[in-house]
N, C-alpha and C. Protein backbone atom coordinates (compact mmCIF):
# COMPACT_ATOMS: atom_id res chain seq x y z
N UNK A 1 0.85 -1.17 0.00
CA UNK A 1 0.00 0.00 0.00
C UNK A 1 0.90 1.24 0.00
N UNK A 2 0.56 2.18 -0.85
CA UNK A 2 1.40 3.37 -0.96
C UNK A 2 1.24 4.28 0.25
N UNK A 3 2.24 5.11 0.45
CA UNK A 3 2.20 6.05 1.57
C UNK A 3 1.03 7.02 1.41
N UNK A 4 0.78 7.45 0.16
CA UNK A 4 -0.33 8.39 -0.10
C UNK A 4 -1.68 7.76 0.26
N UNK A 5 -1.85 6.49 -0.12
CA UNK A 5 -3.11 5.81 0.19
C UNK A 5 -3.27 5.66 1.69
N UNK A 6 -2.21 5.29 2.38
CA UNK A 6 -2.27 5.16 3.83
C UNK A 6 -2.65 6.48 4.48
N UNK A 7 -2.05 7.57 3.99
CA UNK A 7 -2.36 8.90 4.54
C UNK A 7 -3.83 9.25 4.29
N UNK A 8 -4.31 9.01 3.06
CA UNK A 8 -5.71 9.30 2.73
C UNK A 8 -6.64 8.50 3.64
N UNK A 9 -6.36 7.22 3.77
CA UNK A 9 -7.25 6.37 4.55
C UNK A 9 -7.21 6.70 6.03
N UNK A 10 -6.07 7.16 6.52
CA UNK A 10 -5.98 7.59 7.92
C UNK A 10 -6.86 8.83 8.12
N UNK A 11 -6.78 9.78 7.19
CA UNK A 11 -7.60 10.99 7.27
C UNK A 11 -9.09 10.66 7.16
N UNK A 12 -9.42 9.73 6.28
CA UNK A 12 -10.82 9.33 6.13
C UNK A 12 -11.32 8.68 7.41
N UNK A 13 -10.52 7.82 8.01
CA UNK A 13 -10.91 7.16 9.27
C UNK A 13 -11.17 8.19 10.37
N UNK A 14 -10.30 9.19 10.45
CA UNK A 14 -10.47 10.24 11.46
C UNK A 14 -11.76 11.02 11.19
N UNK A 15 -11.97 11.36 9.91
CA UNK A 15 -13.18 12.12 9.55
C UNK A 15 -14.44 11.33 9.86
N UNK A 16 -14.43 10.03 9.59
CA UNK A 16 -15.60 9.20 9.88
C UNK A 16 -15.88 9.13 11.36
N UNK A 17 -14.82 9.13 12.17
CA UNK A 17 -14.99 9.04 13.62
C UNK A 17 -15.43 10.37 14.23
N UNK A 18 -15.02 11.48 13.62
CA UNK A 18 -15.25 12.79 14.23
C UNK A 18 -16.42 13.57 13.64
N UNK A 19 -16.89 13.22 12.46
CA UNK A 19 -17.97 13.99 11.85
C UNK A 19 -18.86 13.08 11.01
N UNK A 20 -20.00 13.63 10.59
CA UNK A 20 -20.95 12.87 9.77
C UNK A 20 -20.57 13.02 8.30
N UNK A 21 -20.14 11.94 7.71
CA UNK A 21 -19.79 11.92 6.29
C UNK A 21 -20.95 11.24 5.57
N UNK A 22 -21.71 12.02 4.80
CA UNK A 22 -22.92 11.52 4.16
C UNK A 22 -22.69 10.94 2.78
N UNK A 23 -21.60 11.33 2.12
CA UNK A 23 -21.41 10.91 0.73
C UNK A 23 -19.93 10.82 0.40
N UNK A 24 -19.65 10.23 -0.75
CA UNK A 24 -18.27 10.17 -1.22
C UNK A 24 -17.78 11.58 -1.54
N UNK A 25 -18.68 12.45 -1.97
CA UNK A 25 -18.31 13.85 -2.22
C UNK A 25 -17.82 14.51 -0.93
N UNK A 26 -18.41 14.17 0.20
CA UNK A 26 -17.95 14.68 1.49
C UNK A 26 -16.51 14.22 1.76
N UNK A 27 -16.21 12.97 1.40
CA UNK A 27 -14.85 12.45 1.59
C UNK A 27 -13.87 13.24 0.73
N UNK A 28 -14.24 13.46 -0.54
CA UNK A 28 -13.39 14.24 -1.44
C UNK A 28 -13.14 15.62 -0.85
N UNK A 29 -14.18 16.24 -0.30
CA UNK A 29 -14.07 17.59 0.28
C UNK A 29 -13.14 17.59 1.50
N UNK A 30 -13.28 16.60 2.38
CA UNK A 30 -12.42 16.52 3.57
C UNK A 30 -10.96 16.38 3.16
N UNK A 31 -10.71 15.51 2.19
CA UNK A 31 -9.33 15.31 1.73
C UNK A 31 -8.79 16.58 1.09
N UNK A 32 -9.63 17.27 0.33
CA UNK A 32 -9.20 18.53 -0.31
C UNK A 32 -8.81 19.57 0.75
N UNK A 33 -9.55 19.59 1.87
CA UNK A 33 -9.23 20.52 2.96
C UNK A 33 -7.85 20.23 3.55
N UNK A 34 -7.36 19.01 3.37
CA UNK A 34 -6.03 18.62 3.85
C UNK A 34 -5.00 18.63 2.74
N UNK A 35 -5.37 19.25 1.60
CA UNK A 35 -4.43 19.39 0.49
C UNK A 35 -4.28 18.16 -0.38
N UNK A 36 -5.22 17.23 -0.29
CA UNK A 36 -5.16 16.02 -1.09
C UNK A 36 -6.32 16.02 -2.07
N UNK A 37 -5.98 16.03 -3.35
CA UNK A 37 -7.02 16.02 -4.38
C UNK A 37 -7.21 14.60 -4.90
N UNK A 38 -8.48 14.12 -4.83
CA UNK A 38 -8.82 12.79 -5.32
C UNK A 38 -10.13 12.85 -6.09
N UNK A 39 -10.36 11.82 -6.87
CA UNK A 39 -11.64 11.71 -7.57
C UNK A 39 -12.63 10.96 -6.68
N UNK A 40 -13.89 11.00 -7.06
CA UNK A 40 -14.91 10.26 -6.34
C UNK A 40 -14.60 8.76 -6.37
N UNK A 41 -14.06 8.28 -7.49
CA UNK A 41 -13.73 6.86 -7.62
C UNK A 41 -12.67 6.45 -6.59
N UNK A 42 -11.67 7.29 -6.40
CA UNK A 42 -10.63 7.01 -5.41
C UNK A 42 -11.22 7.00 -4.01
N UNK A 43 -12.09 7.97 -3.72
CA UNK A 43 -12.75 8.01 -2.40
C UNK A 43 -13.56 6.74 -2.19
N UNK A 44 -14.25 6.29 -3.23
CA UNK A 44 -15.05 5.07 -3.14
C UNK A 44 -14.18 3.85 -2.84
N UNK A 45 -13.04 3.73 -3.53
CA UNK A 45 -12.13 2.60 -3.29
C UNK A 45 -11.58 2.64 -1.86
N UNK A 46 -11.21 3.85 -1.41
CA UNK A 46 -10.67 3.98 -0.05
C UNK A 46 -11.72 3.57 0.99
N UNK A 47 -12.96 4.01 0.81
CA UNK A 47 -14.02 3.64 1.75
C UNK A 47 -14.23 2.13 1.76
N UNK A 48 -14.20 1.51 0.57
CA UNK A 48 -14.38 0.07 0.49
C UNK A 48 -13.24 -0.67 1.18
N UNK A 49 -12.00 -0.22 0.94
CA UNK A 49 -10.85 -0.86 1.57
C UNK A 49 -10.87 -0.73 3.09
N UNK A 50 -11.40 0.37 3.58
CA UNK A 50 -11.51 0.58 5.02
C UNK A 50 -12.65 -0.24 5.64
N UNK A 51 -13.53 -0.76 4.79
CA UNK A 51 -14.68 -1.51 5.30
C UNK A 51 -15.81 -0.62 5.75
N UNK A 52 -15.79 0.66 5.32
CA UNK A 52 -16.84 1.60 5.70
C UNK A 52 -18.17 1.18 5.06
N UNK A 53 -19.22 1.29 5.84
CA UNK A 53 -20.56 0.99 5.34
C UNK A 53 -21.48 2.16 5.67
N UNK A 54 -22.55 2.27 4.91
CA UNK A 54 -23.52 3.32 5.18
C UNK A 54 -24.55 2.80 6.16
N UNK A 55 -24.83 3.61 7.14
CA UNK A 55 -25.84 3.26 8.13
C UNK A 55 -26.50 4.53 8.63
N UNK A 56 -27.57 4.38 9.38
CA UNK A 56 -28.29 5.55 9.88
C UNK A 56 -27.53 6.17 11.04
N UNK A 57 -27.38 7.49 10.97
CA UNK A 57 -26.76 8.24 12.05
C UNK A 57 -27.79 8.54 13.13
N UNK A 58 -27.39 9.26 14.14
CA UNK A 58 -28.27 9.61 15.26
C UNK A 58 -29.50 10.38 14.78
N UNK A 59 -29.30 11.23 13.75
CA UNK A 59 -30.41 12.04 13.23
C UNK A 59 -31.25 11.29 12.20
N UNK A 60 -30.94 10.02 11.93
CA UNK A 60 -31.71 9.23 10.98
C UNK A 60 -31.21 9.32 9.55
N UNK A 61 -30.27 10.22 9.29
CA UNK A 61 -29.72 10.35 7.93
C UNK A 61 -28.62 9.31 7.73
N UNK A 62 -28.43 8.90 6.49
CA UNK A 62 -27.42 7.90 6.16
C UNK A 62 -26.03 8.54 6.22
N UNK A 63 -25.11 7.85 6.89
CA UNK A 63 -23.72 8.30 6.97
C UNK A 63 -22.80 7.09 6.80
N UNK A 64 -21.56 7.37 6.42
CA UNK A 64 -20.56 6.30 6.37
C UNK A 64 -20.05 6.06 7.78
N UNK A 65 -19.88 4.78 8.10
CA UNK A 65 -19.40 4.40 9.43
C UNK A 65 -18.37 3.29 9.28
N UNK A 66 -17.42 3.28 10.18
CA UNK A 66 -16.48 2.16 10.25
C UNK A 66 -17.03 1.18 11.26
N UNK A 67 -16.95 -0.12 10.96
CA UNK A 67 -17.43 -1.09 11.93
C UNK A 67 -16.58 -1.03 13.20
N UNK A 68 -17.22 -1.32 14.34
CA UNK A 68 -16.48 -1.28 15.60
C UNK A 68 -15.55 -2.47 15.74
N UNK A 69 -15.86 -3.54 15.02
CA UNK A 69 -14.97 -4.70 14.99
C UNK A 69 -14.41 -4.81 13.58
N UNK A 70 -13.42 -5.65 13.36
CA UNK A 70 -12.88 -5.78 12.02
C UNK A 70 -13.98 -6.14 11.04
N UNK A 71 -13.90 -5.63 9.79
CA UNK A 71 -14.97 -5.90 8.84
C UNK A 71 -15.13 -7.39 8.60
N UNK A 72 -16.38 -7.85 8.54
CA UNK A 72 -16.57 -9.26 8.27
C UNK A 72 -16.14 -9.58 6.84
N UNK A 73 -15.87 -10.84 6.59
CA UNK A 73 -15.50 -11.23 5.24
C UNK A 73 -16.69 -10.99 4.32
N UNK A 74 -16.42 -10.95 3.04
CA UNK A 74 -17.46 -10.78 2.03
C UNK A 74 -18.52 -11.85 2.21
N UNK A 75 -18.11 -13.08 2.41
CA UNK A 75 -19.05 -14.19 2.55
C UNK A 75 -19.95 -14.05 3.76
N UNK A 76 -19.41 -13.51 4.85
CA UNK A 76 -20.22 -13.32 6.05
C UNK A 76 -21.29 -12.26 5.83
N UNK A 77 -21.08 -11.41 4.85
CA UNK A 77 -22.06 -10.37 4.54
C UNK A 77 -23.21 -10.90 3.68
N UNK A 78 -23.02 -12.04 3.01
CA UNK A 78 -24.02 -12.58 2.10
C UNK A 78 -24.76 -13.71 2.79
N UNK A 79 -26.08 -13.55 2.94
CA UNK A 79 -26.86 -14.49 3.71
C UNK A 79 -27.69 -15.46 2.87
N UNK A 80 -28.22 -14.99 1.72
CA UNK A 80 -29.16 -15.81 0.97
C UNK A 80 -29.26 -15.32 -0.46
N UNK A 81 -29.46 -16.23 -1.39
CA UNK A 81 -29.67 -15.88 -2.79
C UNK A 81 -30.96 -16.54 -3.24
N UNK A 82 -31.87 -15.75 -3.84
CA UNK A 82 -33.14 -16.26 -4.37
C UNK A 82 -33.23 -15.84 -5.84
N UNK A 83 -34.10 -16.52 -6.57
CA UNK A 83 -34.27 -16.20 -7.99
C UNK A 83 -35.74 -16.28 -8.36
N UNK A 84 -36.13 -15.42 -9.32
CA UNK A 84 -37.47 -15.53 -9.89
C UNK A 84 -37.37 -15.73 -11.40
N UNK A 85 -36.21 -16.07 -11.89
CA UNK A 85 -36.01 -16.27 -13.33
C UNK A 85 -34.94 -15.35 -13.85
N UNK A 86 -35.32 -14.12 -14.17
CA UNK A 86 -34.36 -13.20 -14.76
C UNK A 86 -33.74 -12.24 -13.74
N UNK A 87 -34.15 -12.34 -12.50
CA UNK A 87 -33.58 -11.49 -11.44
C UNK A 87 -33.15 -12.37 -10.28
N UNK A 88 -31.91 -12.19 -9.84
CA UNK A 88 -31.44 -12.82 -8.61
C UNK A 88 -31.58 -11.79 -7.50
N UNK A 89 -31.99 -12.23 -6.33
CA UNK A 89 -32.10 -11.36 -5.17
C UNK A 89 -31.13 -11.90 -4.12
N UNK A 90 -30.15 -11.08 -3.76
CA UNK A 90 -29.14 -11.47 -2.78
C UNK A 90 -29.42 -10.70 -1.49
N UNK A 91 -29.66 -11.43 -0.40
CA UNK A 91 -29.87 -10.80 0.91
C UNK A 91 -28.52 -10.77 1.63
N UNK A 92 -28.23 -9.64 2.24
CA UNK A 92 -26.96 -9.46 2.95
C UNK A 92 -27.21 -8.99 4.37
N UNK A 93 -26.14 -8.88 5.12
CA UNK A 93 -26.21 -8.27 6.44
C UNK A 93 -26.59 -6.79 6.26
N UNK A 94 -27.25 -6.18 7.24
CA UNK A 94 -27.62 -4.78 7.11
C UNK A 94 -26.41 -3.89 6.81
N UNK A 95 -26.57 -3.02 5.82
CA UNK A 95 -25.53 -2.08 5.45
C UNK A 95 -24.46 -2.64 4.52
N UNK A 96 -24.54 -3.91 4.16
CA UNK A 96 -23.48 -4.54 3.38
C UNK A 96 -23.79 -4.67 1.89
N UNK A 97 -25.01 -4.42 1.47
CA UNK A 97 -25.41 -4.69 0.09
C UNK A 97 -24.57 -3.92 -0.93
N UNK A 98 -24.26 -2.66 -0.66
CA UNK A 98 -23.50 -1.88 -1.63
C UNK A 98 -22.09 -2.42 -1.82
N UNK A 99 -21.46 -2.85 -0.75
CA UNK A 99 -20.12 -3.44 -0.84
C UNK A 99 -20.16 -4.75 -1.61
N UNK A 100 -21.11 -5.61 -1.29
CA UNK A 100 -21.22 -6.89 -1.97
C UNK A 100 -21.52 -6.68 -3.46
N UNK A 101 -22.43 -5.76 -3.79
CA UNK A 101 -22.76 -5.49 -5.20
C UNK A 101 -21.53 -4.96 -5.94
N UNK A 102 -20.75 -4.13 -5.27
CA UNK A 102 -19.53 -3.61 -5.88
C UNK A 102 -18.56 -4.73 -6.22
N UNK A 103 -18.44 -5.70 -5.34
CA UNK A 103 -17.56 -6.85 -5.59
C UNK A 103 -18.10 -7.69 -6.75
N UNK A 104 -19.42 -7.86 -6.81
CA UNK A 104 -20.02 -8.61 -7.91
C UNK A 104 -19.78 -7.88 -9.22
N UNK A 105 -19.99 -6.56 -9.23
CA UNK A 105 -19.74 -5.77 -10.45
C UNK A 105 -18.29 -5.87 -10.87
N UNK A 106 -17.38 -5.78 -9.92
CA UNK A 106 -15.95 -5.83 -10.23
C UNK A 106 -15.53 -7.17 -10.82
N UNK A 107 -16.24 -8.23 -10.47
CA UNK A 107 -15.91 -9.57 -10.97
C UNK A 107 -16.29 -9.74 -12.44
N UNK A 108 -17.15 -8.85 -12.96
CA UNK A 108 -17.57 -8.89 -14.36
C UNK A 108 -18.02 -10.30 -14.77
N UNK A 109 -18.98 -10.82 -14.03
CA UNK A 109 -19.52 -12.16 -14.31
C UNK A 109 -20.38 -12.09 -15.57
N UNK A 110 -20.07 -12.95 -16.52
CA UNK A 110 -20.81 -12.99 -17.78
C UNK A 110 -22.27 -13.33 -17.52
N UNK A 111 -23.17 -12.62 -18.18
CA UNK A 111 -24.60 -12.87 -18.02
C UNK A 111 -25.29 -11.90 -17.09
N UNK A 112 -24.51 -11.08 -16.37
CA UNK A 112 -25.10 -10.07 -15.49
C UNK A 112 -25.18 -8.76 -16.26
N UNK A 113 -26.40 -8.22 -16.37
CA UNK A 113 -26.59 -6.93 -17.03
C UNK A 113 -26.27 -5.77 -16.09
N UNK A 114 -26.55 -5.97 -14.79
CA UNK A 114 -26.27 -4.93 -13.81
C UNK A 114 -26.80 -5.31 -12.44
N UNK A 115 -26.42 -4.52 -11.45
CA UNK A 115 -26.87 -4.75 -10.08
C UNK A 115 -27.45 -3.46 -9.52
N UNK A 116 -28.38 -3.61 -8.60
CA UNK A 116 -28.92 -2.49 -7.84
C UNK A 116 -28.86 -2.90 -6.38
N UNK A 117 -28.27 -2.05 -5.54
CA UNK A 117 -28.10 -2.39 -4.13
C UNK A 117 -28.83 -1.40 -3.24
N UNK A 118 -29.53 -1.92 -2.27
CA UNK A 118 -30.13 -1.11 -1.22
C UNK A 118 -29.28 -1.24 0.03
N UNK A 119 -29.93 -1.34 1.18
CA UNK A 119 -29.21 -1.48 2.44
C UNK A 119 -28.80 -2.93 2.68
N UNK A 120 -29.75 -3.86 2.49
CA UNK A 120 -29.45 -5.27 2.75
C UNK A 120 -29.91 -6.20 1.64
N UNK A 121 -30.23 -5.64 0.47
CA UNK A 121 -30.73 -6.43 -0.65
C UNK A 121 -30.09 -5.97 -1.95
N UNK A 122 -29.73 -6.95 -2.80
CA UNK A 122 -29.18 -6.65 -4.12
C UNK A 122 -30.05 -7.33 -5.16
N UNK A 123 -30.44 -6.59 -6.20
CA UNK A 123 -31.09 -7.18 -7.37
C UNK A 123 -30.03 -7.31 -8.44
N UNK A 124 -29.93 -8.50 -9.01
CA UNK A 124 -29.00 -8.75 -10.11
C UNK A 124 -29.84 -9.05 -11.34
N UNK A 125 -29.77 -8.18 -12.35
CA UNK A 125 -30.51 -8.39 -13.59
C UNK A 125 -29.69 -9.29 -14.51
N UNK A 126 -30.31 -10.38 -14.95
CA UNK A 126 -29.64 -11.33 -15.82
C UNK A 126 -30.01 -11.07 -17.27
N UNK A 127 -29.08 -11.35 -18.18
CA UNK A 127 -29.33 -11.15 -19.60
C UNK A 127 -30.42 -12.11 -20.11
N UNK A 128 -30.44 -13.33 -19.57
CA UNK A 128 -31.42 -14.34 -19.97
C UNK A 128 -31.78 -15.18 -18.75
N UNK A 129 -33.04 -15.63 -18.67
CA UNK A 129 -33.41 -16.49 -17.54
C UNK A 129 -32.57 -17.76 -17.46
N UNK A 130 -32.08 -18.23 -18.59
CA UNK A 130 -31.29 -19.47 -18.59
C UNK A 130 -29.94 -19.30 -17.90
N UNK A 131 -29.54 -18.06 -17.60
CA UNK A 131 -28.26 -17.80 -16.93
C UNK A 131 -28.35 -17.93 -15.41
N UNK A 132 -29.55 -18.14 -14.88
CA UNK A 132 -29.75 -18.14 -13.43
C UNK A 132 -28.79 -19.08 -12.70
N UNK A 133 -28.74 -20.33 -13.11
CA UNK A 133 -27.90 -21.31 -12.42
C UNK A 133 -26.43 -20.97 -12.48
N UNK A 134 -25.94 -20.63 -13.68
CA UNK A 134 -24.52 -20.33 -13.87
C UNK A 134 -24.11 -19.09 -13.09
N UNK A 135 -24.93 -18.04 -13.16
CA UNK A 135 -24.58 -16.79 -12.47
C UNK A 135 -24.66 -17.00 -10.96
N UNK A 136 -25.67 -17.71 -10.49
CA UNK A 136 -25.79 -18.00 -9.05
C UNK A 136 -24.55 -18.73 -8.56
N UNK A 137 -24.13 -19.73 -9.32
CA UNK A 137 -22.94 -20.49 -8.95
C UNK A 137 -21.71 -19.58 -8.92
N UNK A 138 -21.59 -18.68 -9.92
CA UNK A 138 -20.45 -17.76 -9.97
C UNK A 138 -20.45 -16.82 -8.76
N UNK A 139 -21.63 -16.33 -8.37
CA UNK A 139 -21.71 -15.44 -7.20
C UNK A 139 -21.32 -16.21 -5.95
N UNK A 140 -21.80 -17.44 -5.81
CA UNK A 140 -21.44 -18.26 -4.64
C UNK A 140 -19.93 -18.52 -4.62
N UNK A 141 -19.34 -18.84 -5.79
CA UNK A 141 -17.89 -19.07 -5.86
C UNK A 141 -17.12 -17.81 -5.50
N UNK A 142 -17.62 -16.65 -5.95
CA UNK A 142 -16.99 -15.38 -5.60
C UNK A 142 -16.99 -15.20 -4.08
N UNK A 143 -18.11 -15.52 -3.46
CA UNK A 143 -18.21 -15.43 -2.00
C UNK A 143 -17.19 -16.36 -1.36
N UNK A 144 -17.14 -17.60 -1.83
CA UNK A 144 -16.23 -18.58 -1.25
C UNK A 144 -14.77 -18.20 -1.46
N UNK A 145 -14.41 -17.71 -2.65
CA UNK A 145 -13.03 -17.30 -2.91
C UNK A 145 -12.63 -16.15 -2.00
N UNK A 146 -13.53 -15.22 -1.80
CA UNK A 146 -13.23 -14.07 -0.96
C UNK A 146 -13.09 -14.49 0.49
N UNK A 147 -13.78 -15.56 0.88
CA UNK A 147 -13.67 -16.06 2.25
C UNK A 147 -12.43 -16.91 2.42
N UNK A 148 -11.67 -17.13 1.33
CA UNK A 148 -10.44 -17.89 1.44
C UNK A 148 -10.63 -19.39 1.26
N UNK A 149 -11.81 -19.79 0.84
CA UNK A 149 -12.05 -21.22 0.64
C UNK A 149 -11.61 -21.67 -0.74
N UNK A 150 -11.50 -20.72 -1.67
CA UNK A 150 -11.12 -21.08 -3.03
C UNK A 150 -12.16 -21.98 -3.66
N UNK A 151 -11.83 -22.58 -4.78
CA UNK A 151 -12.78 -23.44 -5.48
C UNK A 151 -12.75 -24.86 -4.96
N UNK A 152 -11.92 -25.12 -3.98
CA UNK A 152 -11.79 -26.47 -3.45
C UNK A 152 -13.09 -26.95 -2.83
N UNK A 153 -13.79 -26.07 -2.16
CA UNK A 153 -14.96 -26.48 -1.41
C UNK A 153 -16.08 -25.48 -1.67
N UNK A 154 -17.08 -25.88 -2.42
CA UNK A 154 -18.19 -25.00 -2.75
C UNK A 154 -19.08 -24.80 -1.53
N UNK A 155 -19.55 -23.60 -1.35
CA UNK A 155 -20.41 -23.27 -0.24
C UNK A 155 -21.67 -24.14 -0.27
N UNK A 156 -22.25 -24.34 0.88
CA UNK A 156 -23.50 -25.08 0.97
C UNK A 156 -24.70 -24.16 0.74
N UNK A 157 -24.45 -22.90 0.42
CA UNK A 157 -25.54 -21.96 0.15
C UNK A 157 -26.35 -22.48 -1.02
N UNK A 158 -27.64 -22.38 -0.93
CA UNK A 158 -28.54 -22.83 -1.99
C UNK A 158 -29.21 -21.61 -2.61
N UNK A 159 -29.54 -21.75 -3.88
CA UNK A 159 -30.31 -20.73 -4.56
C UNK A 159 -31.76 -21.20 -4.56
N UNK A 160 -32.64 -20.41 -3.94
CA UNK A 160 -34.04 -20.78 -3.86
C UNK A 160 -34.84 -20.05 -4.90
N UNK A 161 -35.80 -20.73 -5.46
CA UNK A 161 -36.70 -20.11 -6.46
C UNK A 161 -38.02 -19.81 -5.82
């Protein structure tokens, strides 16, 4: 990890602990106040690497927060996958859907047209209903690889219709 990234992430961690950061634009602004110019994409990557998740603040507005314990693995964030044909619905731990969807998008799994993430639910739009099984398996394998299990042992997670 570069010295610049470490410095950015240290500043972001302090800002998250000391003030309400509502958006990635807020992160860019905080860093700019410290003489560090970054794009929204860089702020997004830094937040993801820190394990920051969006949750409700004291006033009920959504803010970025760092977990009080080490961030759970990607797999621990994914609880259930269901399908209705052309849409997969992935249930996650509260506040984890955006991170999980980002990892799915980054994996560029063939057959996925796009993802939409809420707080604890992800919709995955499939190009064809026939892709359901293959894409579900790929998502499960992604979860298992991220948990360090690799392809040696497939998760016992089931896709329910």
